[in-house]
Amino acid sequence: MRITTTFIVVFTLLFSTNTNAQESRLWLRNINYIDVISGEAKKGNILLEDGKIKKIAKRAAASPNPDDIDGTGKWLIPGLVDAHIHLFQSGGLYTRPDALDMTQYRSYEIEQTWLKKNANDLLKRYLRLGITTVVDVGGPMANFGIRDSLKEQSDYPSLYM
């Protein structure tokens, strides 16, 4: 796996890797992190096993796993939370007819249909950005069905309402 950004979010890595038995063990090598006990920035090797941090070591054990990640020059951070989203507002021109009425070009109903159809993809985009939890603070009742259908799936952020 090739990571080119400065930050590596542990939960995003776990969701983007395969989950077969051989690959449930992954080393992040030469990664920068904050020691939560001392508050110091450190560099080390972090073993992820079965979705959890199992070990932080100065040296990583030899591993045949080709998915191990070289974290040189990168930082490990926890998953982020967006505590104010609206699942059925895409941020596009047609989402808020109360703020900018563009319904003569595209009806609000068509926009809502598109958003419902693409909700899964929109939620996956949060996860790809390192946002592992989102909170919808005032959407339609249909959001509860979407939340419930994704509850057991790990390739979506946790969705609260």
C-alpha atoms as a PDB file:
ATOM      1  CA  MET A   1       0.000   0.000   0.000  1.00  0.00           C
ATOM      2  CA  ARG A   2       1.428   3.402  -0.956  1.00  0.00           C
ATOM      3  CA  ILE A   3       0.566   6.336   1.290  1.00  0.00           C
ATOM      4  CA  THR A   4       1.524   9.777   0.001  1.00  0.00           C
ATOM      5  CA  THR A   5      -0.127  12.096   2.504  1.00  0.00           C
ATOM      6  CA  THR A   6       1.524  13.495   5.618  1.00  0.00           C
ATOM      7  CA  PHE A   7      -0.955  11.919   8.020  1.00  0.00           C
ATOM      8  CA  ILE A   8      -1.906   8.291   8.289  1.00  0.00           C
ATOM      9  CA  VAL A   9      -5.155   7.584  10.057  1.00  0.00           C
ATOM     10  CA  VAL A  10      -5.083   4.185  11.680  1.00  0.00           C
ATOM     11  CA  PHE A  11      -8.765   3.425  11.130  1.00  0.00           C
ATOM     12  CA  THR A  12      -8.604   4.362   7.457  1.00  0.00           C
ATOM     13  CA  LEU A  13      -5.682   1.988   7.009  1.00  0.00           C
ATOM     14  CA  LEU A  14      -7.534  -0.826   8.693  1.00  0.00           C
ATOM     15  CA  PHE A  15     -10.590  -0.370   6.522  1.00  0.00           C
ATOM     16  CA  SER A  16      -8.604  -0.153   3.315  1.00  0.00           C
ATOM     17  CA  THR A  17      -6.570  -3.318   3.817  1.00  0.00           C
ATOM     18  CA  ASN A  18      -7.719  -6.849   3.150  1.00  0.00           C
ATOM     19  CA  THR A  19      -9.049  -8.733   6.137  1.00  0.00           C
ATOM     20  CA  ASN A  20      -7.911 -12.289   5.511  1.00  0.00           C
ATOM     21  CA  ALA A  21      -5.963 -14.018   8.297  1.00  0.00           C
ATOM     22  CA  GLN A  22      -2.496 -13.413   6.854  1.00  0.00           C
ATOM     23  CA  GLU A  23      -3.097  -9.682   6.500  1.00  0.00           C
ATOM     24  CA  SER A  24      -4.711  -9.088   9.891  1.00  0.00           C
ATOM     25  CA  ARG A  25      -1.202  -8.192  11.116  1.00  0.00           C
ATOM     26  CA  LEU A  26       0.347  -5.006   9.760  1.00  0.00           C
ATOM     27  CA  TRP A  27       3.400  -2.947  10.722  1.00  0.00           C
ATOM     28  CA  LEU A  28       3.601   0.806  10.327  1.00  0.00           C
ATOM     29  CA  ARG A  29       7.353   1.261  10.098  1.00  0.00           C
ATOM     30  CA  ASN A  30       9.288   4.423  11.027  1.00  0.00           C
ATOM     31  CA  ILE A  31       6.092   6.330  11.826  1.00  0.00           C
ATOM     32  CA  ASN A  32       5.871   9.532  13.872  1.00  0.00           C
ATOM     33  CA  TYR A  33       3.348   9.529  16.721  1.00  0.00           C
ATOM     34  CA  ILE A  34       2.596  11.282  20.001  1.00  0.00           C
ATOM     35  CA  ASP A  35       3.260   9.270  23.156  1.00  0.00           C
ATOM     36  CA  VAL A  36       0.054   9.912  25.089  1.00  0.00           C
ATOM     37  CA  ILE A  37       1.772   9.227  28.439  1.00  0.00           C
ATOM     38  CA  SER A  38       4.712  11.632  28.084  1.00  0.00           C
ATOM     39  CA  GLY A  39       3.229  13.976  25.481  1.00  0.00           C
ATOM     40  CA  GLU A  40       6.437  13.659  23.448  1.00  0.00           C
ATOM     41  CA  ALA A  41       6.664  13.225  19.694  1.00  0.00           C
ATOM     42  CA  LYS A  42       8.363   9.931  18.898  1.00  0.00           C
ATOM     43  CA  LYS A  43       9.271   7.767  15.938  1.00  0.00           C
ATOM     44  CA  GLY A  44       8.817   4.037  16.008  1.00  0.00           C
ATOM     45  CA  ASN A  45       7.142   0.980  14.608  1.00  0.00           C
ATOM     46  CA  ILE A  46       3.527   0.176  15.389  1.00  0.00           C
ATOM     47  CA  LEU A  47       1.992  -3.261  15.032  1.00  0.00           C
ATOM     48  CA  LEU A  48      -1.691  -3.372  14.126  1.00  0.00           C
ATOM     49  CA  GLU A  49      -3.289  -6.732  14.750  1.00  0.00           C
ATOM     50  CA  ASP A  50      -6.944  -7.635  14.343  1.00  0.00           C
ATOM     51  CA  GLY A  51      -7.882  -3.963  14.102  1.00  0.00           C
ATOM     52  CA  LYS A  52      -6.040  -2.823  17.231  1.00  0.00           C
ATOM     53  CA  ILE A  53      -2.667  -1.359  18.105  1.00  0.00           C
ATOM     54  CA  LYS A  54      -0.873  -4.315  19.701  1.00  0.00           C
ATOM     55  CA  LYS A  55       2.674  -3.045  20.036  1.00  0.00           C
ATOM     56  CA  ILE A  56       4.805   0.065  19.729  1.00  0.00           C
ATOM     57  CA  ALA A  57       8.481  -0.785  19.307  1.00  0.00           C
ATOM     58  CA  LYS A  58      11.762   0.824  18.349  1.00  0.00           C
ATOM     59  CA  ARG A  59      12.362  -2.049  15.927  1.00  0.00           C
ATOM     60  CA  ALA A  60       9.754  -3.859  13.892  1.00  0.00           C
ATOM     61  CA  ALA A  61       9.958  -7.612  13.579  1.00  0.00           C
ATOM     62  CA  ALA A  62      10.640  -8.976  10.128  1.00  0.00           C
ATOM     63  CA  SER A  63       7.351  -9.517   8.371  1.00  0.00           C
ATOM     64  CA  PRO A  64       6.459 -11.212   5.090  1.00  0.00           C
ATOM     65  CA  ASN A  65       3.425  -8.946   4.745  1.00  0.00           C
ATOM     66  CA  PRO A  66       3.842  -6.877   1.552  1.00  0.00           C
ATOM     67  CA  ASP A  67       1.177  -4.458   2.821  1.00  0.00           C
ATOM     68  CA  ASP A  68       3.373  -3.211   5.686  1.00  0.00           C
ATOM     69  CA  ILE A  69       3.611   0.558   5.427  1.00  0.00           C
ATOM     70  CA  ASP A  70       6.695   2.749   5.435  1.00  0.00           C
ATOM     71  CA  GLY A  71       5.664   5.723   7.552  1.00  0.00           C
ATOM     72  CA  THR A  72       8.901   7.683   7.100  1.00  0.00           C
ATOM     73  CA  GLY A  73       8.071  11.388   7.261  1.00  0.00           C
ATOM     74  CA  LYS A  74       4.418  10.704   8.132  1.00  0.00           C
ATOM     75  CA  TRP A  75       2.355  10.992  11.336  1.00  0.00           C
ATOM     76  CA  LEU A  76      -0.130   8.549  12.816  1.00  0.00           C
ATOM     77  CA  ILE A  77      -3.300  10.268  14.027  1.00  0.00           C
ATOM     78  CA  PRO A  78      -6.602   8.962  15.406  1.00  0.00           C
ATOM     79  CA  GLY A  79      -9.772   8.976  13.349  1.00  0.00           C
ATOM     80  CA  LEU A  80     -11.425  12.383  13.074  1.00  0.00           C
ATOM     81  CA  VAL A  81     -15.050  13.283  13.884  1.00  0.00           C
ATOM     82  CA  ASP A  82     -17.293  15.587  11.850  1.00  0.00           C
ATOM     83  CA  ALA A  83     -20.010  16.378  14.370  1.00  0.00           C
ATOM     84  CA  HIS A  84     -22.206  18.445  12.054  1.00  0.00           C
ATOM     85  CA  ILE A  85     -23.107  16.981   8.678  1.00  0.00           C
ATOM     86  CA  HIS A  86     -26.315  16.848   6.685  1.00  0.00           C
ATOM     87  CA  LEU A  87     -26.428  13.590   4.783  1.00  0.00           C
ATOM     88  CA  PHE A  88     -28.939  14.964   2.279  1.00  0.00           C
ATOM     89  CA  GLN A  89     -27.138  18.172   1.495  1.00  0.00           C
ATOM     90  CA  SER A  90     -24.291  17.528  -0.915  1.00  0.00           C
ATOM     91  CA  GLY A  91     -22.881  21.036  -0.784  1.00  0.00           C
ATOM     92  CA  GLY A  92     -23.829  21.454  -4.430  1.00  0.00           C
ATOM     93  CA  LEU A  93     -25.756  24.324  -6.001  1.00  0.00           C
ATOM     94  CA  TYR A  94     -29.094  22.519  -5.883  1.00  0.00           C
ATOM     95  CA  THR A  95     -29.078  21.364  -2.266  1.00  0.00           C
ATOM     96  CA  ARG A  96     -30.398  24.480  -0.535  1.00  0.00           C
ATOM     97  CA  PRO A  97     -33.268  26.090  -2.452  1.00  0.00           C
ATOM     98  CA  ASP A  98     -34.000  28.108   0.692  1.00  0.00           C
ATOM     99  CA  ALA A  99     -30.580  29.806   0.390  1.00  0.00           C
ATOM    100  CA  LEU A 100     -30.154  29.888  -3.409  1.00  0.00           C
ATOM    101  CA  ASP A 101     -33.132  28.819  -5.479  1.00  0.00           C
ATOM    102  CA  MET A 102     -31.783  26.951  -8.506  1.00  0.00           C
ATOM    103  CA  THR A 103     -34.867  24.775  -8.912  1.00  0.00           C
ATOM    104  CA  GLN A 104     -35.549  26.155 -12.388  1.00  0.00           C
ATOM    105  CA  TYR A 105     -32.398  24.279 -13.495  1.00  0.00           C
ATOM    106  CA  ARG A 106     -32.689  21.182 -11.339  1.00  0.00           C
ATOM    107  CA  SER A 107     -35.558  20.333  -9.046  1.00  0.00           C
ATOM    108  CA  TYR A 108     -34.955  19.777  -5.353  1.00  0.00           C
ATOM    109  CA  GLU A 109     -36.696  16.397  -5.679  1.00  0.00           C
ATOM    110  CA  ILE A 110     -34.195  15.259  -8.339  1.00  0.00           C
ATOM    111  CA  GLU A 111     -31.333  16.407  -6.105  1.00  0.00           C
ATOM    112  CA  GLN A 112     -32.747  14.500  -3.131  1.00  0.00           C
ATOM    113  CA  THR A 113     -33.199  11.357  -5.249  1.00  0.00           C
ATOM    114  CA  TRP A 114     -29.567  11.608  -6.395  1.00  0.00           C
ATOM    115  CA  LEU A 115     -28.353  12.088  -2.818  1.00  0.00           C
ATOM    116  CA  LYS A 116     -30.304   9.067  -1.545  1.00  0.00           C
ATOM    117  CA  LYS A 117     -28.956   6.936  -4.396  1.00  0.00           C
ATOM    118  CA  ASN A 118     -25.353   8.063  -3.723  1.00  0.00           C
ATOM    119  CA  ALA A 119     -25.401   8.219   0.103  1.00  0.00           C
ATOM    120  CA  ASN A 120     -23.084   5.217   0.412  1.00  0.00           C
ATOM    121  CA  ASP A 121     -20.441   6.795  -1.817  1.00  0.00           C
ATOM    122  CA  LEU A 122     -20.742  10.147  -0.045  1.00  0.00           C
ATOM    123  CA  LEU A 123     -20.181   8.460   3.328  1.00  0.00           C
ATOM    124  CA  LYS A 124     -17.164   6.524   2.051  1.00  0.00           C
ATOM    125  CA  ARG A 125     -15.584   9.833   1.062  1.00  0.00           C
ATOM    126  CA  TYR A 126     -15.523  10.854   4.728  1.00  0.00           C
ATOM    127  CA  LEU A 127     -13.605   7.709   5.599  1.00  0.00           C
ATOM    128  CA  ARG A 128     -11.094   8.296   2.811  1.00  0.00           C
ATOM    129  CA  LEU A 129     -10.429  11.709   4.379  1.00  0.00           C
ATOM    130  CA  GLY A 130      -9.719  10.186   7.790  1.00  0.00           C
ATOM    131  CA  ILE A 131     -13.132  11.045   9.241  1.00  0.00           C
ATOM    132  CA  THR A 132     -14.243   7.877  11.005  1.00  0.00           C
ATOM    133  CA  THR A 133     -17.365   9.248  12.744  1.00  0.00           C
ATOM    134  CA  VAL A 134     -20.045  11.630  11.459  1.00  0.00           C
ATOM    135  CA  VAL A 135     -23.106  13.100  13.163  1.00  0.00           C
ATOM    136  CA  ASP A 136     -26.144  14.237  11.167  1.00  0.00           C
ATOM    137  CA  VAL A 137     -27.777  16.897  13.298  1.00  0.00           C
ATOM    138  CA  GLY A 138     -31.118  17.278  11.602  1.00  0.00           C
ATOM    139  CA  GLY A 139     -32.003  15.326   8.530  1.00  0.00           C
ATOM    140  CA  PRO A 140     -35.046  13.498   7.228  1.00  0.00           C
ATOM    141  CA  MET A 141     -36.303  10.277   8.808  1.00  0.00           C
ATOM    142  CA  ALA A 142     -34.905   8.294   5.833  1.00  0.00           C
ATOM    143  CA  ASN A 143     -31.440   8.836   7.316  1.00  0.00           C
ATOM    144  CA  PHE A 144     -32.218   6.347  10.081  1.00  0.00           C
ATOM    145  CA  GLY A 145     -32.705   3.578   7.518  1.00  0.00           C
ATOM    146  CA  ILE A 146     -29.374   4.394   5.887  1.00  0.00           C
ATOM    147  CA  ARG A 147     -27.672   4.436   9.294  1.00  0.00           C
ATOM    148  CA  ASP A 148     -29.176   1.077  10.256  1.00  0.00           C
ATOM    149  CA  SER A 149     -28.242  -0.553   6.934  1.00  0.00           C
ATOM    150  CA  LEU A 150     -24.565   0.455   7.360  1.00  0.00           C
ATOM    151  CA  LYS A 151     -24.218  -0.199  11.086  1.00  0.00           C
ATOM    152  CA  GLU A 152     -22.311  -3.492  10.748  1.00  0.00           C
ATOM    153  CA  GLN A 153     -20.134  -2.487   7.790  1.00  0.00           C
ATOM    154  CA  SER A 154     -16.560  -1.371   8.434  1.00  0.00           C
ATOM    155  CA  ASP A 155     -15.980   0.530   5.190  1.00  0.00           C
ATOM    156  CA  TYR A 156     -18.178   3.427   6.316  1.00  0.00           C
ATOM    157  CA  PRO A 157     -17.739   5.946   9.106  1.00  0.00           C
ATOM    158  CA  SER A 158     -19.854   5.485  12.216  1.00  0.00           C
ATOM    159  CA  LEU A 159     -23.043   7.466  11.600  1.00  0.00           C
ATOM    160  CA  TYR A 160     -24.908   9.057  14.504  1.00  0.00           C
ATOM    161  CA  MET A 161     -28.130  11.082  14.439  1.00  0.00           C
END
